[in-house]
Amino acid sequence: MTAVTLAREPNGRRMLRYGFTLEWITLGWNVVGVLVLAVAAIHARSVALAGFGLDSLIEIGASSVVIWELSGAGEARQRRALRLIGGAFLALAAYLAIQSSVVLITGFRPRPSPPGIVWTAVTAAVMFALAAGKANVGRALDNPVLLTEGRVTLIDGLLATVILTGLVLNAALGWWWADPLAGLVLVYYAIIEGRAALAGR
C-alpha cells in the first residue's frame, strides 16, 4: 500500500504527518550538527568529530530522500529512493573505514573536547528516539524507504555513541585509539544495510 493510498485513511494521514515530522526534525538537527561539529572539530583538531560532521551530511541527504519519497507514490520512486539511501550507507561505510584506519595508522591524538562530548551525547539520544519513531511509522505505512532511512538514523546514533566513548576515553585516560577502533565495528553493518537497500530489500 502506498503513502498516497494510506493518506486517504484517518490513521494513515496521521502516520504520514508523523513520518514527515520525524524527517524534518532529523534534517534540522543534522544541519545544526554540521555547524557545531565543524567548530568543535577545528578547536579540538579532532578527526573523529570532523568525520561525524560528514556523517551528518549523509543523514541530511537521506532525510531529504525520504521527504521526497513520502511526497509521491509508486514503486519506481521507492526503488530510486532505496538506491539513494543504499548509496548513503555505502558512503558512510567508506568514510568509517578510511577515517578509522588513517587515525589508527598515524596515531593522531586530538585534544579533549567538552563541547564535542556534550553534542554527541545529546545527538545519540535524539537519533535513537528518531530511529524508533521511524521504525514504528515505517511499519504502519508499510514503507521500506522510511524503514531503511530509520536504520541510517540508528547507525547515526550508534556512531555518536562510539565517538562519545572515544572522546570520553581520550579526555579521561588518553586512550586516543578507542574511537577509531570502535568505528571500524560499524563498517560491516553499514555495508550490509547498504547492499540490502540497493537490492530493494
N, C-alpha and C. Protein backbone atom coordinates (compact mmCIF):
# COMPACT_ATOMS: atom_id res chain seq x y z
N MET A 1 0.85 -1.19 0.00
CA MET A 1 0.00 0.00 0.00
C MET A 1 0.89 1.24 0.00
N THR A 2 0.61 2.20 -0.86
CA THR A 2 1.46 3.38 -0.98
C THR A 2 1.09 4.43 0.06
N ALA A 3 1.99 5.41 0.19
CA ALA A 3 1.74 6.50 1.13
C ALA A 3 0.50 7.28 0.74
N VAL A 4 0.27 7.46 -0.57
CA VAL A 4 -0.90 8.21 -1.02
C VAL A 4 -2.18 7.46 -0.68
N THR A 5 -2.19 6.13 -0.87
CA THR A 5 -3.37 5.33 -0.53
C THR A 5 -3.66 5.42 0.95
N LEU A 6 -2.61 5.27 1.77
CA LEU A 6 -2.80 5.35 3.21
C LEU A 6 -3.25 6.73 3.65
N ALA A 7 -2.83 7.75 2.92
CA ALA A 7 -3.16 9.12 3.30
C ALA A 7 -4.66 9.38 3.19
N ARG A 8 -5.39 8.53 2.49
CA ARG A 8 -6.84 8.70 2.39
C ARG A 8 -7.55 8.21 3.65
N GLU A 9 -6.84 7.47 4.51
CA GLU A 9 -7.41 6.97 5.74
C GLU A 9 -6.98 7.86 6.90
N PRO A 10 -7.87 8.06 7.91
CA PRO A 10 -7.52 8.95 9.03
C PRO A 10 -6.21 8.56 9.72
N ASN A 11 -6.06 7.30 10.08
CA ASN A 11 -4.84 6.87 10.75
C ASN A 11 -3.64 6.99 9.82
N GLY A 12 -3.87 6.69 8.54
CA GLY A 12 -2.79 6.81 7.57
C GLY A 12 -2.31 8.23 7.43
N ARG A 13 -3.25 9.19 7.40
CA ARG A 13 -2.86 10.60 7.31
C ARG A 13 -2.05 11.03 8.54
N ARG A 14 -2.49 10.54 9.70
CA ARG A 14 -1.78 10.89 10.94
C ARG A 14 -0.37 10.33 10.93
N MET A 15 -0.22 9.08 10.53
CA MET A 15 1.09 8.46 10.49
C MET A 15 1.99 9.12 9.45
N LEU A 16 1.40 9.50 8.32
CA LEU A 16 2.18 10.16 7.28
C LEU A 16 2.71 11.51 7.78
N ARG A 17 1.85 12.26 8.47
CA ARG A 17 2.30 13.54 9.05
C ARG A 17 3.41 13.30 10.07
N TYR A 18 3.26 12.24 10.86
CA TYR A 18 4.27 11.90 11.86
C TYR A 18 5.59 11.56 11.18
N GLY A 19 5.52 10.83 10.07
CA GLY A 19 6.72 10.49 9.32
C GLY A 19 7.42 11.73 8.80
N PHE A 20 6.64 12.66 8.24
CA PHE A 20 7.23 13.92 7.77
C PHE A 20 7.88 14.68 8.92
N THR A 21 7.19 14.72 10.07
CA THR A 21 7.72 15.45 11.22
C THR A 21 9.06 14.87 11.68
N LEU A 22 9.14 13.54 11.74
CA LEU A 22 10.38 12.89 12.15
C LEU A 22 11.53 13.23 11.19
N GLU A 23 11.23 13.23 9.91
CA GLU A 23 12.28 13.52 8.93
C GLU A 23 12.72 14.98 8.98
N TRP A 24 11.76 15.90 9.18
CA TRP A 24 12.14 17.31 9.28
C TRP A 24 12.96 17.58 10.53
N ILE A 25 12.63 16.90 11.64
CA ILE A 25 13.43 17.04 12.86
C ILE A 25 14.84 16.53 12.62
N THR A 26 14.94 15.36 11.97
CA THR A 26 16.26 14.79 11.66
C THR A 26 17.06 15.74 10.78
N LEU A 27 16.40 16.28 9.77
CA LEU A 27 17.07 17.19 8.85
C LEU A 27 17.58 18.43 9.58
N GLY A 28 16.71 19.05 10.36
CA GLY A 28 17.09 20.26 11.09
C GLY A 28 18.21 20.01 12.09
N TRP A 29 18.10 18.89 12.81
CA TRP A 29 19.12 18.57 13.82
C TRP A 29 20.49 18.42 13.16
N ASN A 30 20.54 17.74 12.04
CA ASN A 30 21.82 17.49 11.39
C ASN A 30 22.38 18.73 10.70
N VAL A 31 21.51 19.64 10.24
CA VAL A 31 22.01 20.90 9.70
C VAL A 31 22.73 21.68 10.79
N VAL A 32 22.11 21.76 11.98
CA VAL A 32 22.77 22.42 13.11
C VAL A 32 24.04 21.66 13.49
N GLY A 33 23.94 20.32 13.46
CA GLY A 33 25.07 19.48 13.84
C GLY A 33 26.31 19.71 12.99
N VAL A 34 26.11 19.90 11.70
CA VAL A 34 27.25 20.14 10.81
C VAL A 34 28.02 21.38 11.27
N LEU A 35 27.30 22.43 11.63
CA LEU A 35 27.95 23.66 12.08
C LEU A 35 28.64 23.48 13.43
N VAL A 36 27.93 22.84 14.39
CA VAL A 36 28.51 22.62 15.71
C VAL A 36 29.76 21.75 15.63
N LEU A 37 29.67 20.68 14.85
CA LEU A 37 30.79 19.74 14.75
C LEU A 37 31.99 20.36 14.03
N ALA A 38 31.73 21.22 13.07
CA ALA A 38 32.83 21.89 12.37
C ALA A 38 33.65 22.74 13.35
N VAL A 39 32.95 23.52 14.18
CA VAL A 39 33.63 24.36 15.16
C VAL A 39 34.38 23.51 16.18
N ALA A 40 33.70 22.46 16.71
CA ALA A 40 34.32 21.60 17.72
C ALA A 40 35.52 20.85 17.15
N ALA A 41 35.40 20.39 15.91
CA ALA A 41 36.50 19.62 15.29
C ALA A 41 37.73 20.49 15.08
N ILE A 42 37.52 21.73 14.64
CA ILE A 42 38.66 22.64 14.42
C ILE A 42 39.33 22.97 15.75
N HIS A 43 38.53 23.22 16.78
CA HIS A 43 39.09 23.59 18.08
C HIS A 43 39.87 22.44 18.69
N ALA A 44 39.34 21.20 18.58
CA ALA A 44 39.99 20.05 19.20
C ALA A 44 40.96 19.34 18.27
N ARG A 45 41.01 19.78 17.01
CA ARG A 45 41.81 19.09 15.99
C ARG A 45 41.43 17.61 15.93
N SER A 46 40.12 17.37 15.97
CA SER A 46 39.60 16.00 16.07
C SER A 46 39.15 15.49 14.71
N VAL A 47 39.80 14.44 14.25
CA VAL A 47 39.39 13.79 13.01
C VAL A 47 38.02 13.13 13.20
N ALA A 48 37.78 12.57 14.37
CA ALA A 48 36.51 11.89 14.64
C ALA A 48 35.33 12.85 14.55
N LEU A 49 35.47 14.02 15.16
CA LEU A 49 34.39 15.00 15.11
C LEU A 49 34.17 15.52 13.69
N ALA A 50 35.27 15.72 12.96
CA ALA A 50 35.15 16.16 11.57
C ALA A 50 34.43 15.09 10.74
N GLY A 51 34.77 13.83 10.99
CA GLY A 51 34.12 12.74 10.29
C GLY A 51 32.65 12.62 10.64
N PHE A 52 32.32 12.88 11.90
CA PHE A 52 30.92 12.82 12.31
C PHE A 52 30.12 13.92 11.63
N GLY A 53 30.79 15.04 11.35
CA GLY A 53 30.13 16.09 10.58
C GLY A 53 29.79 15.61 9.18
N LEU A 54 30.69 14.83 8.57
CA LEU A 54 30.41 14.24 7.26
C LEU A 54 29.25 13.26 7.33
N ASP A 55 29.20 12.50 8.43
CA ASP A 55 28.07 11.59 8.63
C ASP A 55 26.76 12.36 8.72
N SER A 56 26.79 13.52 9.36
CA SER A 56 25.59 14.35 9.44
C SER A 56 25.14 14.81 8.06
N LEU A 57 26.10 15.07 7.18
CA LEU A 57 25.75 15.44 5.81
C LEU A 57 25.06 14.28 5.09
N ILE A 58 25.53 13.05 5.32
CA ILE A 58 24.89 11.87 4.73
C ILE A 58 23.47 11.73 5.26
N GLU A 59 23.29 11.96 6.55
CA GLU A 59 21.95 11.86 7.13
C GLU A 59 21.03 12.95 6.57
N ILE A 60 21.56 14.13 6.32
CA ILE A 60 20.77 15.20 5.69
C ILE A 60 20.28 14.73 4.32
N GLY A 61 21.17 14.12 3.55
CA GLY A 61 20.79 13.61 2.24
C GLY A 61 19.75 12.52 2.33
N ALA A 62 19.91 11.59 3.29
CA ALA A 62 18.96 10.50 3.44
C ALA A 62 17.58 11.02 3.84
N SER A 63 17.53 11.99 4.75
CA SER A 63 16.24 12.56 5.17
C SER A 63 15.56 13.28 4.01
N SER A 64 16.36 13.98 3.20
CA SER A 64 15.80 14.67 2.04
C SER A 64 15.18 13.68 1.06
N VAL A 65 15.84 12.51 0.89
CA VAL A 65 15.32 11.47 0.01
C VAL A 65 13.98 10.97 0.51
N VAL A 66 13.86 10.74 1.82
CA VAL A 66 12.61 10.21 2.37
C VAL A 66 11.48 11.24 2.26
N ILE A 67 11.78 12.51 2.52
CA ILE A 67 10.76 13.55 2.37
C ILE A 67 10.26 13.59 0.93
N TRP A 68 11.20 13.47 -0.01
CA TRP A 68 10.85 13.42 -1.44
C TRP A 68 9.98 12.21 -1.74
N GLU A 69 10.34 11.04 -1.18
CA GLU A 69 9.59 9.82 -1.46
C GLU A 69 8.20 9.84 -0.85
N LEU A 70 8.09 10.36 0.38
CA LEU A 70 6.79 10.41 1.04
C LEU A 70 5.84 11.38 0.35
N SER A 71 6.39 12.31 -0.41
CA SER A 71 5.56 13.28 -1.12
C SER A 71 4.95 12.72 -2.40
N GLY A 72 5.40 11.56 -2.83
CA GLY A 72 4.91 10.97 -4.08
C GLY A 72 4.39 9.57 -3.87
N ALA A 73 4.33 8.81 -4.95
CA ALA A 73 3.81 7.47 -4.88
C ALA A 73 4.45 6.63 -5.97
N GLY A 74 4.28 5.31 -5.83
CA GLY A 74 4.72 4.42 -6.89
C GLY A 74 5.97 3.66 -6.53
N GLU A 75 6.05 2.43 -7.03
CA GLU A 75 7.19 1.58 -6.73
C GLU A 75 8.48 2.09 -7.37
N ALA A 76 8.38 2.73 -8.53
CA ALA A 76 9.57 3.24 -9.20
C ALA A 76 10.26 4.28 -8.33
N ARG A 77 9.48 5.18 -7.71
CA ARG A 77 10.05 6.20 -6.84
C ARG A 77 10.66 5.55 -5.60
N GLN A 78 9.99 4.52 -5.07
CA GLN A 78 10.54 3.83 -3.91
C GLN A 78 11.88 3.18 -4.23
N ARG A 79 11.96 2.56 -5.41
CA ARG A 79 13.23 1.91 -5.78
C ARG A 79 14.35 2.93 -5.92
N ARG A 80 14.05 4.08 -6.53
CA ARG A 80 15.07 5.12 -6.65
C ARG A 80 15.50 5.63 -5.29
N ALA A 81 14.52 5.80 -4.39
CA ALA A 81 14.83 6.29 -3.05
C ALA A 81 15.69 5.29 -2.29
N LEU A 82 15.35 4.00 -2.41
CA LEU A 82 16.13 2.97 -1.74
C LEU A 82 17.57 2.93 -2.26
N ARG A 83 17.73 3.11 -3.57
CA ARG A 83 19.08 3.12 -4.13
C ARG A 83 19.89 4.30 -3.60
N LEU A 84 19.24 5.45 -3.48
CA LEU A 84 19.94 6.62 -2.96
C LEU A 84 20.35 6.41 -1.50
N ILE A 85 19.45 5.82 -0.71
CA ILE A 85 19.78 5.56 0.69
C ILE A 85 20.86 4.50 0.80
N GLY A 86 20.78 3.47 -0.08
CA GLY A 86 21.83 2.46 -0.11
C GLY A 86 23.18 3.07 -0.40
N GLY A 87 23.20 4.02 -1.33
CA GLY A 87 24.45 4.72 -1.63
C GLY A 87 24.96 5.48 -0.42
N ALA A 88 24.04 6.07 0.35
CA ALA A 88 24.43 6.80 1.56
C ALA A 88 25.05 5.86 2.58
N PHE A 89 24.47 4.66 2.73
CA PHE A 89 25.03 3.67 3.64
C PHE A 89 26.46 3.30 3.24
N LEU A 90 26.67 3.03 1.95
CA LEU A 90 27.99 2.63 1.49
C LEU A 90 28.99 3.78 1.62
N ALA A 91 28.52 5.02 1.41
CA ALA A 91 29.40 6.18 1.61
C ALA A 91 29.80 6.28 3.08
N LEU A 92 28.84 6.01 3.97
CA LEU A 92 29.13 6.04 5.40
C LEU A 92 30.14 4.96 5.76
N ALA A 93 29.98 3.76 5.19
CA ALA A 93 30.91 2.66 5.46
C ALA A 93 32.32 3.04 4.99
N ALA A 94 32.39 3.65 3.81
CA ALA A 94 33.70 4.05 3.28
C ALA A 94 34.35 5.10 4.18
N TYR A 95 33.54 6.07 4.61
CA TYR A 95 34.06 7.12 5.50
C TYR A 95 34.60 6.51 6.79
N LEU A 96 33.82 5.60 7.39
CA LEU A 96 34.24 4.98 8.65
C LEU A 96 35.54 4.19 8.48
N ALA A 97 35.61 3.41 7.40
CA ALA A 97 36.79 2.59 7.18
C ALA A 97 38.04 3.45 6.97
N ILE A 98 37.90 4.47 6.11
CA ILE A 98 39.05 5.32 5.81
C ILE A 98 39.48 6.14 7.02
N GLN A 99 38.49 6.80 7.66
CA GLN A 99 38.83 7.65 8.79
C GLN A 99 39.47 6.86 9.92
N SER A 100 38.85 5.74 10.28
CA SER A 100 39.36 4.95 11.39
C SER A 100 40.75 4.40 11.10
N SER A 101 40.96 3.92 9.88
CA SER A 101 42.26 3.36 9.51
C SER A 101 43.36 4.43 9.53
N VAL A 102 43.06 5.60 8.98
CA VAL A 102 44.05 6.68 8.95
C VAL A 102 44.43 7.11 10.36
N VAL A 103 43.43 7.26 11.23
CA VAL A 103 43.71 7.69 12.60
C VAL A 103 44.54 6.65 13.35
N LEU A 104 44.21 5.37 13.16
CA LEU A 104 44.97 4.31 13.83
C LEU A 104 46.41 4.24 13.32
N ILE A 105 46.59 4.39 12.00
CA ILE A 105 47.93 4.28 11.41
C ILE A 105 48.81 5.47 11.80
N THR A 106 48.24 6.65 11.76
CA THR A 106 49.03 7.86 12.04
C THR A 106 49.20 8.14 13.52
N GLY A 107 48.32 7.53 14.34
CA GLY A 107 48.41 7.80 15.77
C GLY A 107 48.03 9.22 16.13
N PHE A 108 47.11 9.79 15.36
CA PHE A 108 46.72 11.19 15.57
C PHE A 108 46.01 11.33 16.92
N ARG A 109 46.45 12.27 17.72
CA ARG A 109 45.89 12.46 19.06
C ARG A 109 45.17 13.81 19.15
N PRO A 110 43.83 13.77 19.20
CA PRO A 110 43.09 15.02 19.32
C PRO A 110 43.12 15.58 20.74
N ARG A 111 42.80 16.85 20.86
CA ARG A 111 42.66 17.46 22.17
C ARG A 111 41.32 17.03 22.78
N PRO A 112 41.18 17.08 24.11
CA PRO A 112 39.88 16.84 24.74
C PRO A 112 38.86 17.87 24.24
N SER A 113 37.60 17.46 24.07
CA SER A 113 36.58 18.35 23.53
C SER A 113 35.29 18.26 24.33
N PRO A 114 35.16 19.06 25.41
CA PRO A 114 33.90 19.06 26.17
C PRO A 114 32.67 19.37 25.30
N PRO A 115 32.73 20.37 24.38
CA PRO A 115 31.55 20.60 23.52
C PRO A 115 31.23 19.39 22.65
N GLY A 116 32.26 18.72 22.16
CA GLY A 116 32.03 17.52 21.36
C GLY A 116 31.38 16.42 22.17
N ILE A 117 31.80 16.27 23.42
CA ILE A 117 31.21 15.25 24.29
C ILE A 117 29.73 15.54 24.52
N VAL A 118 29.41 16.79 24.82
CA VAL A 118 28.01 17.15 25.07
C VAL A 118 27.16 16.93 23.82
N TRP A 119 27.66 17.40 22.67
CA TRP A 119 26.86 17.30 21.44
C TRP A 119 26.63 15.84 21.03
N THR A 120 27.67 15.02 21.09
CA THR A 120 27.50 13.63 20.68
C THR A 120 26.61 12.86 21.65
N ALA A 121 26.65 13.20 22.94
CA ALA A 121 25.78 12.54 23.91
C ALA A 121 24.31 12.84 23.63
N VAL A 122 24.03 14.13 23.42
CA VAL A 122 22.64 14.52 23.14
C VAL A 122 22.19 13.97 21.78
N THR A 123 23.09 14.01 20.80
CA THR A 123 22.76 13.51 19.47
C THR A 123 22.44 12.03 19.50
N ALA A 124 23.20 11.25 20.28
CA ALA A 124 22.93 9.81 20.38
C ALA A 124 21.51 9.57 20.88
N ALA A 125 21.11 10.27 21.93
CA ALA A 125 19.76 10.09 22.49
C ALA A 125 18.69 10.50 21.49
N VAL A 126 18.90 11.63 20.80
CA VAL A 126 17.92 12.11 19.82
C VAL A 126 17.80 11.14 18.65
N MET A 127 18.94 10.66 18.12
CA MET A 127 18.90 9.76 16.97
C MET A 127 18.25 8.43 17.30
N PHE A 128 18.50 7.89 18.50
CA PHE A 128 17.87 6.63 18.88
C PHE A 128 16.35 6.80 18.98
N ALA A 129 15.91 7.94 19.53
CA ALA A 129 14.47 8.20 19.62
C ALA A 129 13.85 8.35 18.24
N LEU A 130 14.53 9.08 17.35
CA LEU A 130 14.02 9.26 15.99
C LEU A 130 14.00 7.94 15.23
N ALA A 131 15.02 7.11 15.41
CA ALA A 131 15.08 5.82 14.72
C ALA A 131 13.92 4.93 15.15
N ALA A 132 13.60 4.94 16.44
CA ALA A 132 12.48 4.13 16.93
C ALA A 132 11.17 4.64 16.34
N GLY A 133 11.01 5.95 16.28
CA GLY A 133 9.79 6.52 15.71
C GLY A 133 9.65 6.18 14.24
N LYS A 134 10.76 6.26 13.49
CA LYS A 134 10.71 5.94 12.05
C LYS A 134 10.39 4.47 11.82
N ALA A 135 10.92 3.59 12.69
CA ALA A 135 10.62 2.17 12.56
C ALA A 135 9.13 1.92 12.75
N ASN A 136 8.54 2.58 13.74
CA ASN A 136 7.10 2.41 14.00
C ASN A 136 6.26 2.94 12.85
N VAL A 137 6.59 4.13 12.36
CA VAL A 137 5.82 4.72 11.27
C VAL A 137 6.04 3.94 9.98
N GLY A 138 7.28 3.53 9.74
CA GLY A 138 7.57 2.76 8.53
C GLY A 138 6.79 1.47 8.47
N ARG A 139 6.67 0.79 9.61
CA ARG A 139 5.87 -0.44 9.65
C ARG A 139 4.39 -0.14 9.45
N ALA A 140 3.91 0.93 10.08
CA ALA A 140 2.49 1.29 9.95
C ALA A 140 2.13 1.65 8.52
N LEU A 141 3.04 2.34 7.82
CA LEU A 141 2.80 2.74 6.44
C LEU A 141 3.25 1.68 5.43
N ASP A 142 3.90 0.62 5.94
CA ASP A 142 4.47 -0.40 5.08
C ASP A 142 5.39 0.25 4.04
N ASN A 143 6.26 1.13 4.54
CA ASN A 143 7.12 1.93 3.67
C ASN A 143 8.57 1.51 3.84
N PRO A 144 9.15 0.78 2.87
CA PRO A 144 10.54 0.31 3.02
C PRO A 144 11.56 1.45 3.02
N VAL A 145 11.24 2.55 2.37
CA VAL A 145 12.18 3.68 2.32
C VAL A 145 12.34 4.29 3.71
N LEU A 146 11.22 4.51 4.39
CA LEU A 146 11.27 5.08 5.73
C LEU A 146 11.93 4.11 6.70
N LEU A 147 11.65 2.82 6.56
CA LEU A 147 12.29 1.82 7.41
C LEU A 147 13.80 1.81 7.19
N THR A 148 14.22 1.88 5.93
CA THR A 148 15.64 1.86 5.63
C THR A 148 16.33 3.11 6.16
N GLU A 149 15.72 4.27 5.96
CA GLU A 149 16.33 5.52 6.45
C GLU A 149 16.34 5.53 7.97
N GLY A 150 15.36 4.85 8.59
CA GLY A 150 15.38 4.72 10.05
C GLY A 150 16.62 3.99 10.53
N ARG A 151 17.08 3.03 9.73
CA ARG A 151 18.31 2.32 10.08
C ARG A 151 19.53 3.22 9.88
N VAL A 152 19.48 4.13 8.90
CA VAL A 152 20.54 5.13 8.76
C VAL A 152 20.61 5.98 10.04
N THR A 153 19.44 6.37 10.53
CA THR A 153 19.38 7.17 11.76
C THR A 153 19.90 6.37 12.95
N LEU A 154 19.57 5.06 12.98
CA LEU A 154 20.08 4.21 14.05
C LEU A 154 21.60 4.15 14.01
N ILE A 155 22.17 4.00 12.82
CA ILE A 155 23.64 3.99 12.69
C ILE A 155 24.22 5.32 13.13
N ASP A 156 23.51 6.42 12.82
CA ASP A 156 23.96 7.74 13.26
C ASP A 156 24.03 7.77 14.78
N GLY A 157 23.02 7.21 15.45
CA GLY A 157 23.03 7.16 16.91
C GLY A 157 24.15 6.28 17.45
N LEU A 158 24.37 5.13 16.79
CA LEU A 158 25.45 4.24 17.20
C LEU A 158 26.81 4.91 17.02
N LEU A 159 26.96 5.60 15.89
CA LEU A 159 28.22 6.30 15.62
C LEU A 159 28.45 7.40 16.64
N ALA A 160 27.38 8.13 17.00
CA ALA A 160 27.51 9.17 18.02
C ALA A 160 27.96 8.55 19.34
N THR A 161 27.42 7.37 19.67
CA THR A 161 27.81 6.69 20.91
C THR A 161 29.27 6.27 20.87
N VAL A 162 29.69 5.74 19.70
CA VAL A 162 31.09 5.32 19.53
C VAL A 162 32.03 6.51 19.69
N ILE A 163 31.69 7.60 19.02
CA ILE A 163 32.55 8.79 19.08
C ILE A 163 32.55 9.38 20.49
N LEU A 164 31.37 9.38 21.13
CA LEU A 164 31.29 9.85 22.52
C LEU A 164 32.21 9.03 23.41
N THR A 165 32.18 7.71 23.24
CA THR A 165 33.05 6.84 24.05
C THR A 165 34.52 7.18 23.81
N GLY A 166 34.87 7.36 22.54
CA GLY A 166 36.25 7.71 22.22
C GLY A 166 36.67 9.04 22.81
N LEU A 167 35.77 10.04 22.72
CA LEU A 167 36.09 11.36 23.26
C LEU A 167 36.28 11.31 24.77
N VAL A 168 35.41 10.55 25.45
CA VAL A 168 35.49 10.44 26.91
C VAL A 168 36.77 9.71 27.32
N LEU A 169 37.06 8.58 26.64
CA LEU A 169 38.27 7.82 26.98
C LEU A 169 39.53 8.63 26.68
N ASN A 170 39.50 9.42 25.61
CA ASN A 170 40.65 10.26 25.29
C ASN A 170 40.83 11.34 26.35
N ALA A 171 39.72 11.97 26.75
CA ALA A 171 39.80 13.05 27.75
C ALA A 171 40.19 12.52 29.12
N ALA A 172 39.64 11.35 29.50
CA ALA A 172 39.85 10.84 30.85
C ALA A 172 41.13 10.01 30.99
N LEU A 173 41.44 9.20 29.97
CA LEU A 173 42.54 8.24 30.10
C LEU A 173 43.62 8.39 29.03
N GLY A 174 43.38 9.28 28.06
CA GLY A 174 44.36 9.43 26.99
C GLY A 174 44.33 8.29 25.99
N TRP A 175 43.23 7.52 25.94
CA TRP A 175 43.11 6.40 25.00
C TRP A 175 42.65 6.92 23.64
N TRP A 176 43.54 7.50 22.88
CA TRP A 176 43.20 8.12 21.61
C TRP A 176 42.70 7.12 20.57
N TRP A 177 43.09 5.85 20.70
CA TRP A 177 42.78 4.84 19.71
C TRP A 177 41.38 4.24 19.88
N ALA A 178 40.69 4.53 20.98
CA ALA A 178 39.40 3.90 21.26
C ALA A 178 38.34 4.27 20.22
N ASP A 179 38.32 5.54 19.82
CA ASP A 179 37.31 6.00 18.86
C ASP A 179 37.46 5.34 17.49
N PRO A 180 38.63 5.42 16.83
CA PRO A 180 38.74 4.81 15.51
C PRO A 180 38.57 3.30 15.53
N LEU A 181 39.00 2.63 16.60
CA LEU A 181 38.87 1.18 16.68
C LEU A 181 37.40 0.78 16.77
N ALA A 182 36.64 1.48 17.57
CA ALA A 182 35.21 1.19 17.69
C ALA A 182 34.47 1.53 16.39
N GLY A 183 34.92 2.57 15.70
CA GLY A 183 34.28 2.96 14.44
C GLY A 183 34.34 1.88 13.40
N LEU A 184 35.40 1.08 13.42
CA LEU A 184 35.55 0.01 12.44
C LEU A 184 34.47 -1.06 12.59
N VAL A 185 33.94 -1.21 13.81
CA VAL A 185 32.90 -2.21 14.05
C VAL A 185 31.64 -1.90 13.24
N LEU A 186 31.36 -0.61 13.03
CA LEU A 186 30.14 -0.21 12.33
C LEU A 186 30.25 -0.35 10.81
N VAL A 187 31.45 -0.54 10.30
CA VAL A 187 31.62 -0.64 8.85
C VAL A 187 30.84 -1.82 8.28
N TYR A 188 30.95 -2.97 8.94
CA TYR A 188 30.28 -4.18 8.45
C TYR A 188 28.77 -3.97 8.38
N TYR A 189 28.19 -3.42 9.45
CA TYR A 189 26.75 -3.22 9.48
C TYR A 189 26.30 -2.25 8.39
N ALA A 190 27.04 -1.20 8.18
CA ALA A 190 26.68 -0.21 7.17
C ALA A 190 26.72 -0.82 5.77
N ILE A 191 27.71 -1.69 5.51
CA ILE A 191 27.81 -2.34 4.21
C ILE A 191 26.62 -3.27 3.97
N ILE A 192 26.26 -4.05 4.99
CA ILE A 192 25.12 -4.98 4.86
C ILE A 192 23.84 -4.22 4.57
N GLU A 193 23.59 -3.14 5.31
CA GLU A 193 22.36 -2.36 5.11
C GLU A 193 22.37 -1.67 3.76
N GLY A 194 23.54 -1.17 3.33
CA GLY A 194 23.63 -0.51 2.03
C GLY A 194 23.34 -1.46 0.89
N ARG A 195 23.89 -2.66 0.96
CA ARG A 195 23.65 -3.65 -0.09
C ARG A 195 22.18 -4.07 -0.13
N ALA A 196 21.57 -4.21 1.05
CA ALA A 196 20.16 -4.58 1.11
C ALA A 196 19.27 -3.49 0.50
N ALA A 197 19.60 -2.23 0.80
CA ALA A 197 18.82 -1.13 0.25
C ALA A 197 18.97 -1.06 -1.26
N LEU A 198 20.19 -1.25 -1.76
CA LEU A 198 20.41 -1.21 -3.21
C LEU A 198 19.68 -2.34 -3.92
N ALA A 199 19.50 -3.45 -3.20
CA ALA A 199 18.78 -4.59 -3.78
C ALA A 199 17.26 -4.43 -3.65
N GLY A 200 16.83 -3.36 -2.96
CA GLY A 200 15.39 -3.11 -2.82
C GLY A 200 14.75 -3.88 -1.70
N ARG A 201 15.58 -4.34 -0.71
CA ARG A 201 15.03 -5.13 0.39
C ARG A 201 14.92 -4.25 1.63
